[in-house]
Amino acid sequence: PWGAVLADGGDAPGVTLVDLDLDAVAAARARIPALTHDRAFTLA
């Protein structure tokens, strides 16, 4: 949500490779509180 487009594959099928800054990914994930609401899935 706070990132930038690193590559645009267009409308045709294909493969696009990019290098990610994993520190920036971790920082963005830390700003999303819903990711901490995870709980174990159980069937009753």
Protein backbone atom coordinates (compact mmCIF):
# COMPACT_ATOMS: atom_id res chain seq x y z
CA PRO A 1 0.00 0.00 0.00
CA TRP A 2 2.96 2.37 0.45
CA GLY A 3 5.08 1.04 -2.36
CA ALA A 4 5.96 1.93 -5.88
CA VAL A 5 5.44 -0.02 -9.08
CA LEU A 6 8.75 -1.75 -9.80
CA ALA A 7 7.76 -3.25 -13.14
CA ASP A 8 4.70 -3.43 -15.38
CA GLY A 9 4.14 -6.61 -17.32
CA GLY A 10 1.52 -5.08 -19.56
CA ASP A 11 -1.50 -6.99 -20.84
CA ALA A 12 0.29 -9.87 -22.56
CA PRO A 13 1.22 -13.05 -20.68
CA GLY A 14 4.82 -13.11 -19.55
CA VAL A 15 7.27 -13.15 -16.67
CA THR A 16 8.58 -10.09 -14.85
CA LEU A 17 11.48 -10.23 -12.40
CA VAL A 18 12.33 -7.52 -9.87
CA ASP A 19 14.66 -7.12 -6.91
CA LEU A 20 12.86 -6.36 -3.64
CA ASP A 21 14.25 -4.38 -0.72
CA LEU A 22 13.36 -6.84 2.05
CA ASP A 23 13.89 -4.20 4.75
CA ALA A 24 11.26 -2.01 3.06
CA VAL A 25 8.91 -5.01 2.82
CA ALA A 26 9.33 -5.73 6.54
CA ALA A 27 8.73 -2.07 7.41
CA ALA A 28 5.53 -1.95 5.34
CA ARG A 29 4.25 -5.19 6.88
CA ALA A 30 4.91 -3.82 10.37
CA ARG A 31 2.59 -0.89 9.56
CA ILE A 32 -0.36 -3.21 8.77
CA PRO A 33 -1.96 -4.11 12.12
CA ALA A 34 -4.31 -6.72 10.62
CA LEU A 35 -1.33 -9.01 10.04
CA THR A 36 -0.97 -9.38 13.82
CA HIS A 37 -4.59 -10.53 14.23
CA ASP A 38 -3.83 -14.00 12.89
CA ARG A 39 -4.93 -16.94 15.01
CA ALA A 40 -4.77 -20.69 14.65
CA PHE A 41 -7.46 -22.31 12.52
CA THR A 42 -9.35 -25.14 14.19
CA LEU A 43 -12.35 -27.25 13.33
CA ALA A 44 -14.77 -27.77 16.19
